[in-house]
């Protein structure tokens, strides 16, 4: 079987629904060796890694007042906010994950975010010991993974034009004193999500050096 990445566009999808899609894909990829990439946005939600200290949630009351749910998930990492205007990429990778291992896999995801950001004129860096990508002292992209039976779960979130205010209700990824930014904020103009999605699909193919195929799986 050809090694490739099958890309599925979910559009704006409630977090729990996308979470279930991830697990459906994970089961499939475990059985077939496929590598499926889900690209999506979420309505406002805060997710926390399973070992995340609750102190990272600075204002639970403010989140509740705005109707923003808090969901604990099985990935690593701390608390993060997801909302419309943030591209979330879930690589459910089997053969491609096993070929590179955890450390290199994270590095590939960071390289993809850096490549996409650079395409839109935003130069990013990495900080030793802190997964993700940065513009100075401000985080623009976060990485959080879980690995189950040789297949990856979760992935990265890249801020495109997302409302940054809800990040003030938590300590993003547990890093005190760090700010948060977005591609649109750095460019001073609105960056279209469609264009970012196109560049992200292309970057996955280039970084992992495999073909990318658009798909429209129906999951049962």
N, C-alpha and C. Protein backbone atom coordinates (compact mmCIF):
# COMPACT_ATOMS: atom_id res chain seq x y z
N UNK A 1 0.84 -1.20 0.00
CA UNK A 1 0.00 0.00 0.00
C UNK A 1 0.87 1.24 0.00
N UNK A 2 0.52 2.20 -0.84
CA UNK A 2 1.26 3.45 -0.92
C UNK A 2 1.18 4.20 0.41
N UNK A 3 2.34 4.68 0.87
CA UNK A 3 2.36 5.53 2.05
C UNK A 3 1.98 6.94 1.64
N UNK A 4 0.91 7.45 2.22
CA UNK A 4 0.43 8.79 1.90
C UNK A 4 -0.33 9.34 3.09
N UNK A 5 -0.73 10.60 2.98
CA UNK A 5 -1.55 11.24 4.00
C UNK A 5 -2.92 11.51 3.39
N UNK A 6 -3.97 10.98 4.01
CA UNK A 6 -5.35 11.23 3.59
C UNK A 6 -5.90 12.37 4.44
N UNK A 7 -6.24 13.47 3.79
CA UNK A 7 -6.70 14.67 4.49
C UNK A 7 -8.23 14.72 4.47
N UNK A 8 -8.81 14.92 5.64
CA UNK A 8 -10.26 15.04 5.78
C UNK A 8 -10.56 16.40 6.40
N UNK A 9 -11.37 17.21 5.72
CA UNK A 9 -11.75 18.53 6.21
C UNK A 9 -13.08 18.43 6.96
N UNK A 10 -13.05 18.77 8.24
CA UNK A 10 -14.26 18.67 9.06
C UNK A 10 -15.00 19.99 9.17
N UNK A 11 -14.35 21.11 8.83
CA UNK A 11 -14.98 22.41 9.01
C UNK A 11 -15.10 22.74 10.50
N UNK A 12 -16.04 23.61 10.84
CA UNK A 12 -16.26 23.97 12.24
C UNK A 12 -17.03 22.84 12.92
N UNK A 13 -16.36 22.16 13.86
CA UNK A 13 -16.91 20.95 14.45
C UNK A 13 -16.83 21.02 15.97
N UNK A 14 -17.92 20.73 16.70
CA UNK A 14 -17.84 20.68 18.16
C UNK A 14 -16.72 19.76 18.61
N UNK A 15 -16.06 20.16 19.70
CA UNK A 15 -14.87 19.42 20.11
C UNK A 15 -15.14 17.94 20.35
N UNK A 16 -16.18 17.63 21.08
CA UNK A 16 -16.42 16.23 21.41
C UNK A 16 -16.69 15.40 20.16
N UNK A 17 -17.35 16.00 19.17
CA UNK A 17 -17.59 15.27 17.92
C UNK A 17 -16.28 14.99 17.20
N UNK A 18 -15.40 15.99 17.14
CA UNK A 18 -14.10 15.78 16.50
C UNK A 18 -13.25 14.79 17.28
N UNK A 19 -13.38 14.81 18.59
CA UNK A 19 -12.65 13.87 19.45
C UNK A 19 -13.07 12.44 19.12
N UNK A 20 -14.36 12.22 18.94
CA UNK A 20 -14.84 10.90 18.56
C UNK A 20 -14.33 10.51 17.18
N UNK A 21 -14.31 11.48 16.25
CA UNK A 21 -13.77 11.19 14.92
C UNK A 21 -12.31 10.77 15.01
N UNK A 22 -11.56 11.44 15.89
CA UNK A 22 -10.16 11.05 16.09
C UNK A 22 -10.06 9.58 16.48
N UNK A 23 -10.87 9.18 17.45
CA UNK A 23 -10.77 7.79 17.93
C UNK A 23 -11.24 6.80 16.86
N UNK A 24 -12.22 7.19 16.06
CA UNK A 24 -12.62 6.33 14.95
C UNK A 24 -11.45 6.17 13.97
N UNK A 25 -10.80 7.28 13.67
CA UNK A 25 -9.64 7.23 12.76
C UNK A 25 -8.51 6.41 13.37
N UNK A 26 -8.30 6.60 14.65
CA UNK A 26 -7.23 5.88 15.34
C UNK A 26 -7.43 4.38 15.22
N UNK A 27 -8.65 3.93 15.44
CA UNK A 27 -8.96 2.50 15.31
C UNK A 27 -8.69 2.03 13.90
N UNK A 28 -9.12 2.81 12.93
CA UNK A 28 -8.91 2.44 11.53
C UNK A 28 -7.42 2.37 11.19
N UNK A 29 -6.67 3.38 11.61
CA UNK A 29 -5.25 3.43 11.27
C UNK A 29 -4.45 2.33 11.95
N UNK A 30 -4.85 1.96 13.15
CA UNK A 30 -4.20 0.83 13.82
C UNK A 30 -4.34 -0.44 13.01
N UNK A 31 -5.50 -0.61 12.40
CA UNK A 31 -5.78 -1.84 11.65
C UNK A 31 -5.17 -1.83 10.26
N UNK A 32 -5.06 -0.64 9.65
CA UNK A 32 -4.68 -0.57 8.23
C UNK A 32 -3.30 0.01 7.97
N UNK A 33 -2.73 0.72 8.96
CA UNK A 33 -1.45 1.38 8.74
C UNK A 33 -1.59 2.72 8.04
N UNK A 34 -2.83 3.19 7.85
CA UNK A 34 -3.06 4.47 7.17
C UNK A 34 -2.59 5.64 8.02
N UNK A 35 -2.52 6.80 7.35
CA UNK A 35 -2.16 8.05 8.00
C UNK A 35 -3.22 9.08 7.61
N UNK A 36 -4.10 9.42 8.56
CA UNK A 36 -5.23 10.30 8.28
C UNK A 36 -5.03 11.62 9.01
N UNK A 37 -5.22 12.71 8.30
CA UNK A 37 -5.10 14.03 8.87
C UNK A 37 -6.46 14.71 8.89
N UNK A 38 -6.96 15.03 10.08
CA UNK A 38 -8.20 15.78 10.23
C UNK A 38 -7.86 17.25 10.41
N UNK A 39 -8.48 18.11 9.61
CA UNK A 39 -8.30 19.55 9.74
C UNK A 39 -9.64 20.17 10.13
N UNK A 40 -9.64 21.01 11.16
CA UNK A 40 -10.90 21.50 11.69
C UNK A 40 -10.72 22.81 12.43
N UNK A 41 -11.83 23.41 12.80
CA UNK A 41 -11.92 24.49 13.77
C UNK A 41 -12.96 24.06 14.80
N UNK A 42 -12.87 24.63 16.00
CA UNK A 42 -13.84 24.29 17.04
C UNK A 42 -14.58 25.52 17.53
N UNK A 43 -15.84 25.36 17.92
CA UNK A 43 -16.49 26.40 18.72
C UNK A 43 -15.69 26.58 20.01
N UNK A 44 -15.85 27.70 20.73
CA UNK A 44 -15.04 27.96 21.92
C UNK A 44 -15.04 26.80 22.92
N UNK A 45 -13.84 26.39 23.32
CA UNK A 45 -13.66 25.30 24.28
C UNK A 45 -12.26 25.40 24.86
N UNK A 46 -12.11 24.99 26.10
CA UNK A 46 -10.78 24.85 26.72
C UNK A 46 -10.54 23.37 26.95
N UNK A 47 -9.39 22.90 26.51
CA UNK A 47 -9.01 21.51 26.78
C UNK A 47 -7.79 21.50 27.69
N UNK A 48 -7.72 20.49 28.53
CA UNK A 48 -6.60 20.34 29.44
C UNK A 48 -6.04 18.93 29.32
N UNK A 49 -4.71 18.83 29.33
CA UNK A 49 -4.08 17.53 29.31
C UNK A 49 -4.35 16.77 30.60
N UNK A 50 -4.18 15.46 30.56
CA UNK A 50 -4.58 14.64 31.71
C UNK A 50 -3.73 14.89 32.95
N UNK A 51 -2.55 15.48 32.79
CA UNK A 51 -1.71 15.80 33.95
C UNK A 51 -1.65 17.30 34.21
N UNK A 52 -2.54 18.04 33.62
CA UNK A 52 -2.53 19.50 33.73
C UNK A 52 -2.98 19.95 35.12
N UNK A 53 -2.16 20.75 35.83
CA UNK A 53 -2.61 21.30 37.12
C UNK A 53 -3.79 22.24 36.92
N UNK A 54 -4.79 22.13 37.76
CA UNK A 54 -5.97 22.98 37.61
C UNK A 54 -5.64 24.45 37.84
N UNK A 55 -4.46 24.73 38.42
CA UNK A 55 -4.06 26.12 38.64
C UNK A 55 -3.84 26.86 37.32
N UNK A 56 -3.71 26.10 36.23
CA UNK A 56 -3.55 26.76 34.93
C UNK A 56 -4.84 27.42 34.45
N UNK A 57 -5.95 27.08 35.08
CA UNK A 57 -7.23 27.73 34.76
C UNK A 57 -7.39 28.91 35.71
N UNK A 58 -7.12 30.11 35.22
CA UNK A 58 -7.10 31.28 36.08
C UNK A 58 -8.49 31.76 36.46
N UNK A 59 -9.45 31.58 35.56
CA UNK A 59 -10.80 32.09 35.84
C UNK A 59 -11.85 31.13 35.28
N UNK A 60 -12.13 30.10 36.05
CA UNK A 60 -13.18 29.15 35.66
C UNK A 60 -14.52 29.87 35.59
N UNK A 61 -14.72 30.83 36.48
CA UNK A 61 -15.99 31.56 36.50
C UNK A 61 -16.20 32.32 35.20
N UNK A 62 -15.14 32.95 34.68
CA UNK A 62 -15.26 33.69 33.42
C UNK A 62 -15.57 32.75 32.27
N UNK A 63 -14.95 31.58 32.28
CA UNK A 63 -15.22 30.60 31.22
C UNK A 63 -16.67 30.14 31.29
N UNK A 64 -17.12 29.84 32.51
CA UNK A 64 -18.51 29.39 32.67
C UNK A 64 -19.50 30.48 32.26
N UNK A 65 -19.18 31.72 32.60
CA UNK A 65 -20.06 32.84 32.27
C UNK A 65 -20.24 32.98 30.76
N UNK A 66 -19.17 32.67 30.02
CA UNK A 66 -19.23 32.78 28.57
C UNK A 66 -19.66 31.48 27.90
N UNK A 67 -19.97 30.47 28.71
CA UNK A 67 -20.42 29.20 28.15
C UNK A 67 -19.34 28.41 27.47
N UNK A 68 -18.09 28.60 27.91
CA UNK A 68 -16.96 27.88 27.31
C UNK A 68 -16.68 26.64 28.15
N UNK A 69 -16.93 25.45 27.62
CA UNK A 69 -16.71 24.23 28.41
C UNK A 69 -15.23 23.93 28.62
N UNK A 70 -14.94 23.18 29.66
CA UNK A 70 -13.59 22.71 29.96
C UNK A 70 -13.61 21.20 29.85
N UNK A 71 -12.75 20.65 28.99
CA UNK A 71 -12.76 19.22 28.72
C UNK A 71 -11.37 18.64 28.96
N UNK A 72 -11.28 17.63 29.81
CA UNK A 72 -10.01 16.94 30.03
C UNK A 72 -9.85 15.85 28.99
N UNK A 73 -8.68 15.82 28.36
CA UNK A 73 -8.42 14.85 27.30
C UNK A 73 -7.15 14.07 27.61
N UNK A 74 -6.87 13.08 26.77
CA UNK A 74 -5.77 12.15 27.07
C UNK A 74 -4.42 12.59 26.52
N UNK A 75 -4.34 13.79 25.93
CA UNK A 75 -3.07 14.25 25.40
C UNK A 75 -2.17 14.75 26.52
N UNK A 76 -0.89 14.95 26.20
CA UNK A 76 0.01 15.63 27.10
C UNK A 76 -0.19 17.13 26.99
N UNK A 77 0.54 17.88 27.79
CA UNK A 77 0.47 19.33 27.73
C UNK A 77 -0.53 19.90 28.70
N UNK A 78 -0.56 21.24 28.75
CA UNK A 78 -1.40 21.93 29.71
C UNK A 78 -2.72 22.37 29.12
N UNK A 79 -3.21 23.48 29.65
CA UNK A 79 -4.50 24.02 29.22
C UNK A 79 -4.34 24.86 27.96
N UNK A 80 -5.28 24.75 27.05
CA UNK A 80 -5.27 25.60 25.86
C UNK A 80 -6.70 25.90 25.44
N UNK A 81 -6.82 26.99 24.71
CA UNK A 81 -8.13 27.42 24.22
C UNK A 81 -8.23 27.13 22.73
N UNK A 82 -9.40 26.66 22.30
CA UNK A 82 -9.70 26.50 20.88
C UNK A 82 -10.93 27.33 20.56
N UNK A 83 -10.92 27.95 19.39
CA UNK A 83 -12.08 28.72 18.97
C UNK A 83 -12.04 28.94 17.47
N UNK A 84 -13.12 29.45 16.90
CA UNK A 84 -13.15 29.75 15.46
C UNK A 84 -11.99 30.68 15.09
N UNK A 85 -11.38 30.41 13.95
CA UNK A 85 -10.22 31.18 13.54
C UNK A 85 -8.90 30.56 13.97
N UNK A 86 -8.97 29.41 14.59
CA UNK A 86 -7.77 28.64 14.94
C UNK A 86 -7.81 27.32 14.16
N UNK A 87 -6.77 27.05 13.40
CA UNK A 87 -6.70 25.79 12.66
C UNK A 87 -6.17 24.70 13.58
N UNK A 88 -6.95 23.63 13.72
CA UNK A 88 -6.53 22.48 14.53
C UNK A 88 -6.28 21.31 13.60
N UNK A 89 -5.11 20.74 13.71
CA UNK A 89 -4.71 19.61 12.86
C UNK A 89 -4.53 18.37 13.74
N UNK A 90 -5.27 17.32 13.40
CA UNK A 90 -5.16 16.06 14.13
C UNK A 90 -4.57 15.00 13.19
N UNK A 91 -3.26 14.75 13.26
CA UNK A 91 -2.67 13.67 12.46
C UNK A 91 -2.82 12.34 13.18
N UNK A 92 -3.68 11.48 12.66
CA UNK A 92 -3.82 10.12 13.19
C UNK A 92 -2.92 9.25 12.32
N UNK A 93 -1.64 9.25 12.65
CA UNK A 93 -0.63 8.65 11.79
C UNK A 93 -0.16 7.32 12.36
N UNK A 94 -0.10 6.34 11.48
CA UNK A 94 0.37 5.00 11.86
C UNK A 94 1.78 4.77 11.32
N UNK A 95 1.90 4.43 10.04
CA UNK A 95 3.22 4.12 9.48
C UNK A 95 4.16 5.33 9.53
N UNK A 96 3.63 6.53 9.31
CA UNK A 96 4.50 7.72 9.34
C UNK A 96 4.96 8.03 10.75
N UNK A 97 4.13 7.76 11.75
CA UNK A 97 4.58 7.98 13.11
C UNK A 97 5.66 6.98 13.50
N UNK A 98 5.44 5.73 13.18
CA UNK A 98 6.41 4.70 13.58
C UNK A 98 7.76 4.90 12.90
N UNK A 99 7.76 5.54 11.73
CA UNK A 99 9.02 5.74 11.02
C UNK A 99 9.88 6.84 11.62
N UNK A 100 9.30 7.68 12.50
CA UNK A 100 10.11 8.78 13.03
C UNK A 100 10.16 8.85 14.55
N UNK A 101 9.21 8.28 15.28
CA UNK A 101 9.22 8.34 16.73
C UNK A 101 8.70 9.66 17.26
N UNK A 102 8.52 9.72 18.59
CA UNK A 102 7.84 10.86 19.21
C UNK A 102 8.60 12.16 19.00
N UNK A 103 9.87 12.19 19.32
CA UNK A 103 10.64 13.44 19.27
C UNK A 103 10.66 14.02 17.86
N UNK A 104 10.97 13.20 16.88
CA UNK A 104 11.00 13.69 15.51
C UNK A 104 9.61 14.04 14.99
N UNK A 105 8.60 13.33 15.48
CA UNK A 105 7.23 13.61 15.05
C UNK A 105 6.82 15.01 15.52
N UNK A 106 7.11 15.32 16.78
CA UNK A 106 6.82 16.67 17.29
C UNK A 106 7.58 17.72 16.49
N UNK A 107 8.85 17.42 16.19
CA UNK A 107 9.65 18.36 15.40
C UNK A 107 9.04 18.59 14.03
N UNK A 108 8.48 17.55 13.43
CA UNK A 108 7.82 17.69 12.12
C UNK A 108 6.59 18.58 12.22
N UNK A 109 5.80 18.40 13.27
CA UNK A 109 4.61 19.24 13.44
C UNK A 109 5.00 20.70 13.64
N UNK A 110 6.05 20.93 14.42
CA UNK A 110 6.53 22.30 14.60
C UNK A 110 7.04 22.87 13.28
N UNK A 111 7.74 22.05 12.51
CA UNK A 111 8.26 22.52 11.22
C UNK A 111 7.13 22.89 10.27
N UNK A 112 6.04 22.15 10.32
CA UNK A 112 4.87 22.46 9.48
C UNK A 112 4.30 23.81 9.86
N UNK A 113 4.12 24.05 11.16
CA UNK A 113 3.58 25.34 11.58
C UNK A 113 4.52 26.49 11.21
N UNK A 114 5.80 26.26 11.33
CA UNK A 114 6.77 27.30 10.97
C UNK A 114 6.73 27.57 9.47
N UNK A 115 6.62 26.52 8.68
CA UNK A 115 6.57 26.69 7.23
C UNK A 115 5.32 27.45 6.81
N UNK A 116 4.18 27.07 7.38
CA UNK A 116 2.92 27.74 7.05
C UNK A 116 2.97 29.21 7.48
N UNK A 117 3.45 29.47 8.69
CA UNK A 117 3.54 30.85 9.17
C UNK A 117 4.45 31.67 8.26
N UNK A 118 5.59 31.08 7.88
CA UNK A 118 6.52 31.79 7.02
C UNK A 118 5.93 32.12 5.67
N UNK A 119 5.08 31.25 5.16
CA UNK A 119 4.43 31.51 3.88
C UNK A 119 3.61 32.80 3.93
N UNK A 120 3.05 33.09 5.11
CA UNK A 120 2.23 34.30 5.27
C UNK A 120 3.04 35.46 5.85
N UNK A 121 4.36 35.33 5.79
CA UNK A 121 5.22 36.43 6.19
C UNK A 121 5.43 36.58 7.68
N UNK A 122 5.12 35.53 8.45
CA UNK A 122 5.31 35.58 9.90
C UNK A 122 6.44 34.62 10.27
N UNK A 123 7.54 35.17 10.73
CA UNK A 123 8.69 34.34 11.08
C UNK A 123 8.58 33.86 12.52
N UNK A 124 8.70 32.57 12.72
CA UNK A 124 8.53 31.98 14.04
C UNK A 124 9.80 31.29 14.49
N UNK A 125 9.88 31.03 15.79
CA UNK A 125 11.02 30.35 16.37
C UNK A 125 10.50 29.24 17.28
N UNK A 126 11.43 28.47 17.81
CA UNK A 126 11.12 27.45 18.81
C UNK A 126 11.84 27.81 20.09
N UNK A 127 11.30 27.34 21.21
CA UNK A 127 11.92 27.56 22.51
C UNK A 127 12.25 26.22 23.13
N UNK A 128 13.48 26.05 23.51
CA UNK A 128 13.93 24.77 24.06
C UNK A 128 13.10 24.40 25.29
N UNK A 129 12.57 23.19 25.26
CA UNK A 129 11.79 22.68 26.38
C UNK A 129 10.33 23.03 26.34
N UNK A 130 9.92 23.83 25.33
CA UNK A 130 8.52 24.23 25.22
C UNK A 130 8.01 23.91 23.83
N UNK A 131 7.32 22.79 23.65
CA UNK A 131 6.81 22.43 22.32
C UNK A 131 5.89 23.52 21.77
N UNK A 132 5.95 23.70 20.45
CA UNK A 132 5.13 24.71 19.80
C UNK A 132 6.00 25.69 19.03
N UNK A 133 5.38 26.75 18.51
CA UNK A 133 6.12 27.77 17.78
C UNK A 133 5.76 29.14 18.32
N UNK A 134 6.73 30.07 18.20
CA UNK A 134 6.66 31.35 18.89
C UNK A 134 7.00 32.50 17.95
N UNK A 135 6.44 33.66 18.25
CA UNK A 135 6.87 34.92 17.66
C UNK A 135 7.39 35.75 18.83
N UNK A 136 8.70 35.80 18.99
CA UNK A 136 9.27 36.43 20.17
C UNK A 136 8.85 35.67 21.41
N UNK A 137 8.21 36.39 22.35
CA UNK A 137 7.75 35.77 23.61
C UNK A 137 6.29 35.38 23.54
N UNK A 138 5.71 35.42 22.35
CA UNK A 138 4.29 35.10 22.20
C UNK A 138 4.09 33.81 21.42
N UNK A 139 3.24 32.96 21.94
CA UNK A 139 3.02 31.66 21.31
C UNK A 139 1.96 31.79 20.22
N UNK A 140 2.26 31.21 19.07
CA UNK A 140 1.31 31.26 17.96
C UNK A 140 0.79 29.87 17.59
N UNK A 141 1.51 28.82 18.00
CA UNK A 141 1.09 27.46 17.70
C UNK A 141 1.46 26.50 18.81
N UNK A 142 0.51 25.65 19.21
CA UNK A 142 0.70 24.71 20.31
C UNK A 142 0.66 23.27 19.81
N UNK A 143 1.42 22.41 20.48
CA UNK A 143 1.45 20.98 20.16
C UNK A 143 1.07 20.19 21.41
N UNK A 144 0.21 19.20 21.24
CA UNK A 144 -0.13 18.29 22.33
C UNK A 144 -0.50 16.94 21.75
N UNK A 145 0.18 15.89 22.19
CA UNK A 145 -0.01 14.57 21.58
C UNK A 145 -0.34 13.51 22.62
N UNK A 146 -0.92 12.45 22.13
CA UNK A 146 -1.02 11.18 22.85
C UNK A 146 -0.65 10.09 21.86
N UNK A 147 0.00 9.07 22.33
CA UNK A 147 0.38 7.93 21.48
C UNK A 147 -0.25 6.69 22.07
N UNK A 148 -1.05 6.01 21.27
CA UNK A 148 -1.70 4.79 21.72
C UNK A 148 -1.46 3.69 20.69
N UNK A 149 -0.78 2.65 21.13
CA UNK A 149 -0.53 1.45 20.31
C UNK A 149 0.08 1.82 18.96
N UNK A 150 1.06 2.73 19.02
CA UNK A 150 1.83 3.05 17.83
C UNK A 150 1.16 4.01 16.87
N UNK A 151 0.06 4.63 17.27
CA UNK A 151 -0.65 5.58 16.41
C UNK A 151 -0.85 6.88 17.20
N UNK A 152 -0.61 8.01 16.55
CA UNK A 152 -0.71 9.30 17.22
C UNK A 152 -2.16 9.77 17.34
N UNK A 153 -2.41 10.54 18.40
CA UNK A 153 -3.69 11.20 18.64
C UNK A 153 -3.43 12.68 18.94
N UNK A 154 -4.42 13.51 18.71
CA UNK A 154 -4.33 14.95 18.91
C UNK A 154 -3.31 15.53 17.93
N UNK A 155 -2.68 16.67 18.22
CA UNK A 155 -1.82 17.26 17.21
C UNK A 155 -1.45 18.69 17.53
N UNK A 156 -1.79 19.64 16.62
CA UNK A 156 -1.41 21.02 16.89
C UNK A 156 -2.55 21.98 16.61
N UNK A 157 -2.41 23.18 17.19
CA UNK A 157 -3.37 24.27 16.98
C UNK A 157 -2.60 25.51 16.58
N UNK A 158 -2.93 26.08 15.43
CA UNK A 158 -2.25 27.27 14.91
C UNK A 158 -3.24 28.43 14.90
N UNK A 159 -2.88 29.50 15.59
CA UNK A 159 -3.75 30.67 15.67
C UNK A 159 -3.69 31.47 14.37
N UNK A 160 -4.83 31.54 13.69
CA UNK A 160 -4.91 32.25 12.41
C UNK A 160 -5.56 33.61 12.62
N UNK A 161 -6.82 33.61 13.03
CA UNK A 161 -7.52 34.87 13.30
C UNK A 161 -8.41 34.73 14.53
N UNK A 162 -8.06 33.79 15.40
CA UNK A 162 -8.86 33.47 16.57
C UNK A 162 -8.90 34.66 17.55
N UNK A 163 -10.01 34.81 18.26
CA UNK A 163 -10.13 35.79 19.34
C UNK A 163 -9.15 35.39 20.44
N UNK A 164 -8.23 36.28 20.79
CA UNK A 164 -7.20 35.94 21.77
C UNK A 164 -7.62 36.21 23.22
N UNK A 165 -8.73 36.90 23.42
CA UNK A 165 -9.16 37.26 24.78
C UNK A 165 -9.33 36.04 25.69
N UNK A 166 -9.99 34.95 25.25
CA UNK A 166 -10.18 33.82 26.17
C UNK A 166 -8.88 33.19 26.68
N UNK A 167 -7.77 33.40 25.98
CA UNK A 167 -6.50 32.87 26.49
C UNK A 167 -6.12 33.51 27.82
N UNK A 168 -6.66 34.70 28.10
CA UNK A 168 -6.32 35.39 29.35
C UNK A 168 -6.95 34.72 30.56
N UNK A 169 -7.87 33.78 30.33
CA UNK A 169 -8.53 33.09 31.43
C UNK A 169 -7.75 31.86 31.89
N UNK A 170 -6.60 31.62 31.27
CA UNK A 170 -5.79 30.46 31.63
C UNK A 170 -4.32 30.78 31.44
N UNK A 171 -3.48 29.88 31.86
CA UNK A 171 -2.04 29.98 31.60
C UNK A 171 -1.78 29.06 30.42
N UNK A 172 -1.70 29.62 29.22
CA UNK A 172 -1.61 28.77 28.02
C UNK A 172 -0.44 27.79 28.08
N UNK A 173 -0.79 26.51 28.01
CA UNK A 173 0.21 25.43 28.04
C UNK A 173 1.08 25.47 29.29
N UNK A 174 0.62 26.17 30.33
CA UNK A 174 1.33 26.18 31.60
C UNK A 174 2.54 27.09 31.64
N UNK A 175 2.67 28.00 30.69
CA UNK A 175 3.86 28.85 30.62
C UNK A 175 3.51 30.24 31.13
N UNK A 176 3.93 30.56 32.34
CA UNK A 176 3.61 31.85 32.93
C UNK A 176 4.38 32.97 32.23
N UNK A 177 3.71 34.08 32.05
CA UNK A 177 4.36 35.25 31.47
C UNK A 177 4.44 35.27 29.96
N UNK A 178 4.02 34.19 29.33
CA UNK A 178 4.07 34.13 27.86
C UNK A 178 2.78 34.68 27.29
N UNK A 179 2.89 35.43 26.22
CA UNK A 179 1.71 35.94 25.55
C UNK A 179 1.25 35.00 24.45
N UNK A 180 0.18 35.39 23.77
CA UNK A 180 -0.38 34.60 22.67
C UNK A 180 -0.63 35.54 21.51
N UNK A 181 -0.36 35.09 20.30
CA UNK A 181 -0.59 35.90 19.12
C UNK A 181 -1.19 35.05 18.01
N UNK A 182 -1.41 35.67 16.85
CA UNK A 182 -2.00 34.96 15.71
C UNK A 182 -1.37 35.47 14.42
N UNK A 183 -1.56 34.73 13.35
CA UNK A 183 -1.04 35.15 12.05
C UNK A 183 -1.64 36.50 11.65
N UNK A 184 -2.94 36.65 11.83
CA UNK A 184 -3.60 37.89 11.43
C UNK A 184 -3.10 39.08 12.25
N UNK A 185 -2.90 38.85 13.54
CA UNK A 185 -2.40 39.94 14.39
C UNK A 185 -1.00 40.34 13.97
N UNK A 186 -0.16 39.38 13.68
CA UNK A 186 1.22 39.69 13.29
C UNK A 186 1.28 40.39 11.94
N UNK A 187 0.41 40.02 11.04
CA UNK A 187 0.39 40.64 9.72
C UNK A 187 -0.37 41.96 9.69
N UNK A 188 -1.22 42.19 10.67
CA UNK A 188 -2.02 43.40 10.68
C UNK A 188 -3.14 43.38 9.66
N UNK A 189 -3.51 42.20 9.22
CA UNK A 189 -4.61 42.03 8.28
C UNK A 189 -5.18 40.63 8.43
N UNK A 190 -6.43 40.46 8.01
CA UNK A 190 -7.08 39.16 8.15
C UNK A 190 -6.46 38.14 7.20
N UNK A 191 -6.05 37.01 7.74
CA UNK A 191 -5.53 35.89 6.95
C UNK A 191 -6.67 34.90 6.77
N UNK A 192 -6.96 34.53 5.54
CA UNK A 192 -8.08 33.63 5.25
C UNK A 192 -7.77 32.21 5.69
N UNK A 193 -8.70 31.59 6.43
CA UNK A 193 -8.51 30.23 6.90
C UNK A 193 -8.33 29.26 5.73
N UNK A 194 -9.09 29.46 4.66
CA UNK A 194 -8.98 28.56 3.51
C UNK A 194 -7.54 28.50 2.99
N UNK A 195 -6.89 29.66 2.91
CA UNK A 195 -5.52 29.70 2.42
C UNK A 195 -4.57 28.99 3.37
N UNK A 196 -4.81 29.13 4.67
CA UNK A 196 -3.96 28.46 5.66
C UNK A 196 -4.14 26.95 5.58
N UNK A 197 -5.36 26.50 5.39
CA UNK A 197 -5.63 25.07 5.25
C UNK A 197 -4.90 24.50 4.04
N UNK A 198 -4.95 25.21 2.93
CA UNK A 198 -4.27 24.74 1.71
C UNK A 198 -2.77 24.63 1.95
N UNK A 199 -2.19 25.63 2.58
CA UNK A 199 -0.75 25.60 2.86
C UNK A 199 -0.39 24.51 3.85
N UNK A 200 -1.27 24.25 4.81
CA UNK A 200 -1.01 23.21 5.81
C UNK A 200 -1.00 21.83 5.17
N UNK A 201 -1.97 21.55 4.30
CA UNK A 201 -1.98 20.26 3.59
C UNK A 201 -0.70 20.09 2.79
N UNK A 202 -0.31 21.15 2.09
CA UNK A 202 0.91 21.09 1.28
C UNK A 202 2.14 20.86 2.16
N UNK A 203 2.20 21.55 3.30
CA UNK A 203 3.36 21.43 4.19
C UNK A 203 3.47 20.02 4.78
N UNK A 204 2.34 19.40 5.12
CA UNK A 204 2.39 18.03 5.62
C UNK A 204 3.04 17.10 4.59
N UNK A 205 2.64 17.24 3.33
CA UNK A 205 3.24 16.41 2.30
C UNK A 205 4.72 16.66 2.14
N UNK A 206 5.13 17.93 2.22
CA UNK A 206 6.55 18.25 2.03
C UNK A 206 7.39 17.82 3.22
N UNK A 207 6.93 18.07 4.43
CA UNK A 207 7.72 17.73 5.61
C UNK A 207 7.83 16.21 5.79
N UNK A 208 6.73 15.49 5.55
CA UNK A 208 6.78 14.03 5.71
C UNK A 208 7.18 13.33 4.42
N UNK A 209 7.34 14.11 3.33
CA UNK A 209 7.85 13.60 2.05
C UNK A 209 7.00 12.45 1.50
N UNK A 210 5.69 12.64 1.53
CA UNK A 210 4.75 11.65 0.98
C UNK A 210 3.63 12.39 0.25
N UNK A 211 2.91 11.71 -0.66
CA UNK A 211 1.78 12.34 -1.32
C UNK A 211 0.66 12.65 -0.33
N UNK A 212 -0.12 13.68 -0.65
CA UNK A 212 -1.28 14.06 0.14
C UNK A 212 -2.52 13.91 -0.73
N UNK A 213 -3.54 13.24 -0.19
CA UNK A 213 -4.77 13.03 -0.95
C UNK A 213 -5.95 13.54 -0.15
N UNK A 214 -6.79 14.36 -0.80
CA UNK A 214 -7.99 14.85 -0.15
C UNK A 214 -9.04 13.74 -0.13
N UNK A 215 -9.68 13.55 1.03
CA UNK A 215 -10.68 12.50 1.17
C UNK A 215 -11.91 13.01 1.87
N UNK A 216 -12.98 12.26 1.79
CA UNK A 216 -14.24 12.62 2.45
C UNK A 216 -14.83 11.35 3.05
N UNK A 217 -14.12 10.82 4.06
CA UNK A 217 -14.58 9.58 4.69
C UNK A 217 -15.90 9.79 5.42
N UNK A 218 -16.73 8.81 5.39
CA UNK A 218 -17.94 8.79 6.22
C UNK A 218 -17.71 7.77 7.32
N UNK A 219 -17.73 8.23 8.57
CA UNK A 219 -17.43 7.33 9.68
C UNK A 219 -18.72 6.83 10.31
N UNK A 220 -18.67 5.58 10.67
CA UNK A 220 -19.81 4.95 11.35
C UNK A 220 -19.40 4.52 12.75
